[in-house]
Amino acid sequence: MAIESRLRELDSRHRDLEARIEDAKKHPSVDWTQISELKRVKLKLKEELETLRRRDRRH
């Protein structure tokens, strides 16, 4: 159950970051440094999600 809860939490954070990235791109004064940082964090979340999903399938 702990893995499932963590997966839901990470998935929610991943979706939130996607929305923040899209919102940031819409602003006239786009801060590409901030967008790059958000994308980096989003990628780390995706990697953790994939690792946990693989681990969950094995059990």
C-alpha atoms as a PDB file:
ATOM      1  CA  MET A   1       0.000   0.000   0.000  1.00  0.00           C
ATOM      2  CA  ALA A   2       2.836   2.430   0.731  1.00  0.00           C
ATOM      3  CA  ILE A   3       4.115   2.196  -2.835  1.00  0.00           C
ATOM      4  CA  GLU A   4       0.647   2.873  -4.260  1.00  0.00           C
ATOM      5  CA  SER A   5       0.289   5.940  -2.048  1.00  0.00           C
ATOM      6  CA  ARG A   6       3.716   7.211  -3.077  1.00  0.00           C
ATOM      7  CA  LEU A   7       2.862   6.622  -6.754  1.00  0.00           C
ATOM      8  CA  ARG A   8      -0.312   8.702  -6.415  1.00  0.00           C
ATOM      9  CA  GLU A   9       1.605  11.486  -4.673  1.00  0.00           C
ATOM     10  CA  LEU A  10       4.353  11.561  -7.307  1.00  0.00           C
ATOM     11  CA  ASP A  11       1.856  11.394 -10.149  1.00  0.00           C
ATOM     12  CA  SER A  12      -0.028  14.347  -8.688  1.00  0.00           C
ATOM     13  CA  ARG A  13       3.171  16.368  -8.332  1.00  0.00           C
ATOM     14  CA  HIS A  14       4.163  15.433 -11.901  1.00  0.00           C
ATOM     15  CA  ARG A  15       0.818  16.697 -13.268  1.00  0.00           C
ATOM     16  CA  ASP A  16       1.129  19.867 -11.181  1.00  0.00           C
ATOM     17  CA  LEU A  17       4.571  20.560 -12.607  1.00  0.00           C
ATOM     18  CA  GLU A  18       3.285  20.027 -16.142  1.00  0.00           C
ATOM     19  CA  ALA A  19       0.553  22.610 -15.510  1.00  0.00           C
ATOM     20  CA  ARG A  20       3.066  25.059 -14.018  1.00  0.00           C
ATOM     21  CA  ILE A  21       5.371  24.639 -17.023  1.00  0.00           C
ATOM     22  CA  GLU A  22       2.539  25.233 -19.485  1.00  0.00           C
ATOM     23  CA  ASP A  23       1.356  28.251 -17.505  1.00  0.00           C
ATOM     24  CA  ALA A  24       4.872  29.718 -17.365  1.00  0.00           C
ATOM     25  CA  LYS A  25       5.230  29.363 -21.143  1.00  0.00           C
ATOM     26  CA  LYS A  26       2.104  31.465 -21.679  1.00  0.00           C
ATOM     27  CA  HIS A  27       3.464  34.546 -19.911  1.00  0.00           C
ATOM     28  CA  PRO A  28       4.896  37.310 -22.103  1.00  0.00           C
ATOM     29  CA  SER A  29       8.115  37.432 -20.089  1.00  0.00           C
ATOM     30  CA  VAL A  30       8.995  33.763 -20.190  1.00  0.00           C
ATOM     31  CA  ASP A  31      11.733  32.794 -17.730  1.00  0.00           C
ATOM     32  CA  TRP A  32      13.384  29.919 -19.557  1.00  0.00           C
ATOM     33  CA  THR A  33      15.703  29.272 -16.624  1.00  0.00           C
ATOM     34  CA  GLN A  34      12.706  28.634 -14.381  1.00  0.00           C
ATOM     35  CA  ILE A  35      11.054  26.462 -17.033  1.00  0.00           C
ATOM     36  CA  SER A  36      14.247  24.420 -17.409  1.00  0.00           C
ATOM     37  CA  GLU A  37      14.392  23.891 -13.651  1.00  0.00           C
ATOM     38  CA  LEU A  38      10.729  22.819 -13.542  1.00  0.00           C
ATOM     39  CA  LYS A  39      11.354  20.383 -16.402  1.00  0.00           C
ATOM     40  CA  ARG A  40      14.382  18.962 -14.591  1.00  0.00           C
ATOM     41  CA  VAL A  41      12.325  18.360 -11.444  1.00  0.00           C
ATOM     42  CA  LYS A  42       9.503  16.868 -13.535  1.00  0.00           C
ATOM     43  CA  LEU A  43      11.951  14.462 -15.176  1.00  0.00           C
ATOM     44  CA  LYS A  44      13.278  13.351 -11.776  1.00  0.00           C
ATOM     45  CA  LEU A  45       9.697  12.685 -10.638  1.00  0.00           C
ATOM     46  CA  LYS A  46       9.022  10.690 -13.798  1.00  0.00           C
ATOM     47  CA  GLU A  47      12.143   8.598 -13.228  1.00  0.00           C
ATOM     48  CA  GLU A  48      11.115   7.905  -9.630  1.00  0.00           C
ATOM     49  CA  LEU A  49       7.602   6.998 -10.786  1.00  0.00           C
ATOM     50  CA  GLU A  50       8.966   4.529 -13.325  1.00  0.00           C
ATOM     51  CA  THR A  51      11.310   2.980 -10.761  1.00  0.00           C
ATOM     52  CA  LEU A  52       8.490   2.507  -8.257  1.00  0.00           C
ATOM     53  CA  ARG A  53       6.140   1.090 -10.906  1.00  0.00           C
ATOM     54  CA  ARG A  54       8.762  -1.475 -11.948  1.00  0.00           C
ATOM     55  CA  ARG A  55       9.350  -2.383  -8.303  1.00  0.00           C
ATOM     56  CA  ASP A  56       5.602  -2.669  -7.680  1.00  0.00           C
ATOM     57  CA  ARG A  57       5.130  -5.021 -10.668  1.00  0.00           C
ATOM     58  CA  ARG A  58       7.771  -7.376  -9.339  1.00  0.00           C
ATOM     59  CA  HIS A  59       5.903  -7.945  -6.079  1.00  0.00           C
END
